[in-house]
Structure formats: C-alpha cells, structure tokens
Amino acid sequence: MKKIITLRGMADNQAGIIKKIKSAGDMARRIREMGIIPGAEITILGRAPLKDPVAIKIKDFTLTLRNNEADYILVEIDV
C-alpha cells in the first residue's frame, strides 16, 4: 500500500519517490536545482540531534534540507 507524506514526516533510512513540490517562486527553483524533482527516488540518511536539518540521499548525492523546506516536498512511501 502506498501513502503520500511530507519529506519531514519520513523516518530515518526510509525511502520513497518524490511526487510533488508544493512550493513556488525562489524556494521551488532552489529545491529543483538541487535535483529534488518529481519522480526522483529519495532516502532519509539521518537528522541532526535537534531534528533539523535532515540529510537525504538523492541519486548519488547527499544533501541537507531544513525542516521548513522539507515540508514542501511530498513523497510516496510504502506502508
């Protein structure tokens, strides 16, 4: 069964497929320029001790996103 949640709601080591970027303007452009686009596979690698930022793996890259940025990214996961 599939479920769509925000990237921020994903658990460590959980993988999913990006479905939608809810942001607009400069933030959406910045997110897409990092390779975070619909259809891309993403894995949560871990979080900082205070849960912000979150480290993600997309393609062969490791990126970090702040939680306020992760709230705009919708991901489809297996439940």
N, C-alpha and C. Protein backbone atom coordinates (compact mmCIF):
# COMPACT_ATOMS: atom_id res chain seq x y z
N MET A 1 0.84 -1.18 0.00
CA MET A 1 0.00 0.00 0.00
C MET A 1 0.89 1.24 0.00
N LYS A 2 0.50 2.23 -0.76
CA LYS A 2 1.27 3.46 -0.88
C LYS A 2 0.60 4.58 -0.09
N LYS A 3 1.41 5.52 0.38
CA LYS A 3 0.91 6.66 1.14
C LYS A 3 1.75 7.88 0.77
N ILE A 4 1.15 9.05 0.70
CA ILE A 4 1.88 10.27 0.40
C ILE A 4 1.98 11.11 1.67
N ILE A 5 3.24 11.44 2.03
CA ILE A 5 3.51 12.25 3.21
C ILE A 5 4.55 13.31 2.85
N THR A 6 4.81 14.24 3.77
CA THR A 6 5.87 15.21 3.53
C THR A 6 7.21 14.56 3.81
N LEU A 7 8.24 15.08 3.22
CA LEU A 7 9.59 14.57 3.45
C LEU A 7 9.93 14.68 4.93
N ARG A 8 9.48 15.71 5.59
CA ARG A 8 9.74 15.90 7.02
C ARG A 8 9.16 14.75 7.86
N GLY A 9 8.08 14.16 7.42
CA GLY A 9 7.43 13.09 8.17
C GLY A 9 8.05 11.72 7.97
N MET A 10 9.05 11.61 7.12
CA MET A 10 9.68 10.31 6.86
C MET A 10 10.63 9.93 8.00
N ALA A 11 10.78 8.63 8.22
CA ALA A 11 11.68 8.12 9.24
C ALA A 11 13.09 7.93 8.67
N ASP A 12 14.06 7.83 9.57
CA ASP A 12 15.44 7.56 9.13
C ASP A 12 15.49 6.24 8.36
N ASN A 13 16.30 6.22 7.32
CA ASN A 13 16.51 5.06 6.43
C ASN A 13 15.27 4.70 5.61
N GLN A 14 14.27 5.55 5.60
CA GLN A 14 13.07 5.29 4.80
C GLN A 14 13.28 5.86 3.40
N ALA A 15 12.79 5.14 2.40
CA ALA A 15 12.93 5.56 1.01
C ALA A 15 11.56 5.85 0.42
N GLY A 16 11.54 6.67 -0.61
CA GLY A 16 10.30 6.99 -1.29
C GLY A 16 10.57 7.66 -2.62
N ILE A 17 9.48 7.99 -3.31
CA ILE A 17 9.55 8.66 -4.61
C ILE A 17 8.91 10.03 -4.46
N ILE A 18 9.61 11.06 -4.91
CA ILE A 18 9.07 12.41 -4.83
C ILE A 18 7.89 12.53 -5.78
N LYS A 19 6.76 13.02 -5.28
CA LYS A 19 5.56 13.16 -6.09
C LYS A 19 5.28 14.60 -6.47
N LYS A 20 5.55 15.55 -5.57
CA LYS A 20 5.18 16.94 -5.85
C LYS A 20 5.98 17.89 -4.97
N ILE A 21 6.28 19.06 -5.52
CA ILE A 21 6.87 20.16 -4.77
C ILE A 21 5.77 21.21 -4.60
N LYS A 22 5.35 21.48 -3.37
CA LYS A 22 4.22 22.39 -3.13
C LYS A 22 4.64 23.85 -3.12
N SER A 23 5.90 24.13 -3.11
CA SER A 23 6.39 25.50 -3.02
C SER A 23 6.35 26.19 -4.39
N ALA A 24 6.48 27.50 -4.36
CA ALA A 24 6.55 28.29 -5.60
C ALA A 24 7.68 29.31 -5.46
N GLY A 25 8.01 29.94 -6.55
CA GLY A 25 8.99 31.02 -6.53
C GLY A 25 10.41 30.54 -6.32
N ASP A 26 11.19 31.36 -5.59
CA ASP A 26 12.61 31.09 -5.41
C ASP A 26 12.88 29.78 -4.67
N MET A 27 12.07 29.46 -3.66
CA MET A 27 12.30 28.22 -2.93
C MET A 27 12.09 27.01 -3.83
N ALA A 28 11.05 27.01 -4.64
CA ALA A 28 10.80 25.89 -5.56
C ALA A 28 11.94 25.76 -6.57
N ARG A 29 12.41 26.87 -7.07
CA ARG A 29 13.51 26.84 -8.03
C ARG A 29 14.76 26.26 -7.37
N ARG A 30 15.07 26.69 -6.16
CA ARG A 30 16.24 26.21 -5.44
C ARG A 30 16.15 24.71 -5.18
N ILE A 31 14.99 24.24 -4.76
CA ILE A 31 14.78 22.82 -4.49
C ILE A 31 14.98 22.01 -5.76
N ARG A 32 14.42 22.46 -6.86
CA ARG A 32 14.56 21.73 -8.13
C ARG A 32 15.99 21.75 -8.66
N GLU A 33 16.70 22.85 -8.44
CA GLU A 33 18.09 22.93 -8.89
C GLU A 33 18.98 21.94 -8.17
N MET A 34 18.61 21.53 -6.97
CA MET A 34 19.37 20.53 -6.22
C MET A 34 19.08 19.12 -6.71
N GLY A 35 18.16 18.96 -7.67
CA GLY A 35 17.83 17.65 -8.20
C GLY A 35 16.63 17.01 -7.54
N ILE A 36 15.97 17.75 -6.67
CA ILE A 36 14.78 17.24 -5.99
C ILE A 36 13.59 17.54 -6.90
N ILE A 37 13.27 16.57 -7.75
CA ILE A 37 12.20 16.75 -8.74
C ILE A 37 11.24 15.55 -8.66
N PRO A 38 10.00 15.75 -9.09
CA PRO A 38 9.05 14.62 -9.08
C PRO A 38 9.59 13.43 -9.87
N GLY A 39 9.42 12.24 -9.28
CA GLY A 39 9.89 11.01 -9.90
C GLY A 39 11.23 10.54 -9.38
N ALA A 40 11.96 11.40 -8.68
CA ALA A 40 13.27 11.02 -8.15
C ALA A 40 13.12 10.18 -6.88
N GLU A 41 13.98 9.18 -6.75
CA GLU A 41 13.98 8.36 -5.53
C GLU A 41 14.81 9.07 -4.47
N ILE A 42 14.32 9.04 -3.23
CA ILE A 42 14.97 9.74 -2.13
C ILE A 42 15.01 8.82 -0.92
N THR A 43 16.10 8.92 -0.14
CA THR A 43 16.25 8.14 1.08
C THR A 43 16.68 9.08 2.21
N ILE A 44 16.08 8.92 3.38
CA ILE A 44 16.46 9.71 4.55
C ILE A 44 17.67 9.03 5.18
N LEU A 45 18.78 9.76 5.26
CA LEU A 45 20.00 9.21 5.84
C LEU A 45 20.07 9.45 7.34
N GLY A 46 19.55 10.55 7.80
CA GLY A 46 19.60 10.86 9.23
C GLY A 46 19.22 12.30 9.49
N ARG A 47 19.22 12.65 10.77
CA ARG A 47 18.86 14.00 11.19
C ARG A 47 19.87 14.50 12.22
N ALA A 48 19.98 15.80 12.32
CA ALA A 48 20.82 16.41 13.34
C ALA A 48 20.21 16.12 14.72
N PRO A 49 20.98 16.26 15.79
CA PRO A 49 20.46 15.96 17.13
C PRO A 49 19.16 16.68 17.49
N LEU A 50 18.95 17.88 17.01
CA LEU A 50 17.71 18.61 17.29
C LEU A 50 16.68 18.44 16.18
N LYS A 51 16.88 17.41 15.32
CA LYS A 51 15.96 17.04 14.23
C LYS A 51 15.94 18.01 13.05
N ASP A 52 16.83 18.97 13.02
CA ASP A 52 16.89 19.92 11.91
C ASP A 52 18.34 20.28 11.69
N PRO A 53 18.92 20.09 10.53
CA PRO A 53 18.35 19.68 9.25
C PRO A 53 18.28 18.15 9.11
N VAL A 54 17.75 17.74 7.97
CA VAL A 54 17.63 16.33 7.63
C VAL A 54 18.58 16.05 6.46
N ALA A 55 19.30 14.92 6.55
CA ALA A 55 20.21 14.52 5.47
C ALA A 55 19.48 13.53 4.57
N ILE A 56 19.54 13.78 3.27
CA ILE A 56 18.86 12.92 2.32
C ILE A 56 19.85 12.46 1.25
N LYS A 57 19.54 11.31 0.65
CA LYS A 57 20.31 10.84 -0.50
C LYS A 57 19.39 10.85 -1.69
N ILE A 58 19.83 11.52 -2.73
CA ILE A 58 19.08 11.58 -3.98
C ILE A 58 20.10 11.38 -5.10
N LYS A 59 19.82 10.40 -5.95
CA LYS A 59 20.78 9.96 -6.97
C LYS A 59 22.06 9.55 -6.26
N ASP A 60 23.19 10.10 -6.59
CA ASP A 60 24.45 9.76 -5.91
C ASP A 60 24.92 10.87 -4.99
N PHE A 61 24.02 11.75 -4.59
CA PHE A 61 24.38 12.90 -3.78
C PHE A 61 23.75 12.83 -2.40
N THR A 62 24.44 13.42 -1.43
CA THR A 62 23.89 13.60 -0.10
C THR A 62 23.66 15.09 0.09
N LEU A 63 22.43 15.45 0.44
CA LEU A 63 22.05 16.84 0.65
C LEU A 63 21.45 17.00 2.04
N THR A 64 21.45 18.21 2.54
CA THR A 64 20.73 18.51 3.77
C THR A 64 19.68 19.56 3.48
N LEU A 65 18.53 19.39 4.10
CA LEU A 65 17.43 20.34 3.97
C LEU A 65 16.93 20.72 5.35
N ARG A 66 16.56 21.95 5.49
CA ARG A 66 15.90 22.37 6.74
C ARG A 66 14.48 21.83 6.74
N ASN A 67 13.92 21.66 7.92
CA ASN A 67 12.57 21.12 8.03
C ASN A 67 11.54 21.99 7.32
N ASN A 68 11.72 23.32 7.36
CA ASN A 68 10.74 24.17 6.67
C ASN A 68 10.79 23.96 5.16
N GLU A 69 11.91 23.55 4.60
CA GLU A 69 11.99 23.21 3.18
C GLU A 69 11.40 21.82 2.93
N ALA A 70 11.65 20.88 3.84
CA ALA A 70 11.16 19.52 3.70
C ALA A 70 9.63 19.46 3.75
N ASP A 71 9.00 20.44 4.39
CA ASP A 71 7.54 20.47 4.47
C ASP A 71 6.89 20.67 3.10
N TYR A 72 7.60 21.21 2.13
CA TYR A 72 7.05 21.49 0.81
C TYR A 72 7.18 20.32 -0.17
N ILE A 73 7.84 19.24 0.26
CA ILE A 73 8.13 18.12 -0.64
C ILE A 73 7.25 16.94 -0.25
N LEU A 74 6.40 16.50 -1.18
CA LEU A 74 5.52 15.35 -0.95
C LEU A 74 6.16 14.11 -1.53
N VAL A 75 6.17 13.04 -0.73
CA VAL A 75 6.86 11.80 -1.09
C VAL A 75 5.89 10.63 -0.96
N GLU A 76 5.95 9.71 -1.92
CA GLU A 76 5.14 8.48 -1.86
C GLU A 76 6.00 7.38 -1.24
N ILE A 77 5.48 6.78 -0.17
CA ILE A 77 6.20 5.72 0.53
C ILE A 77 5.37 4.45 0.56
N ASP A 78 6.02 3.33 0.80
CA ASP A 78 5.32 2.06 1.03
C ASP A 78 4.96 1.98 2.50
N VAL A 79 3.75 1.54 2.78
CA VAL A 79 3.32 1.42 4.18
C VAL A 79 3.28 -0.03 4.58
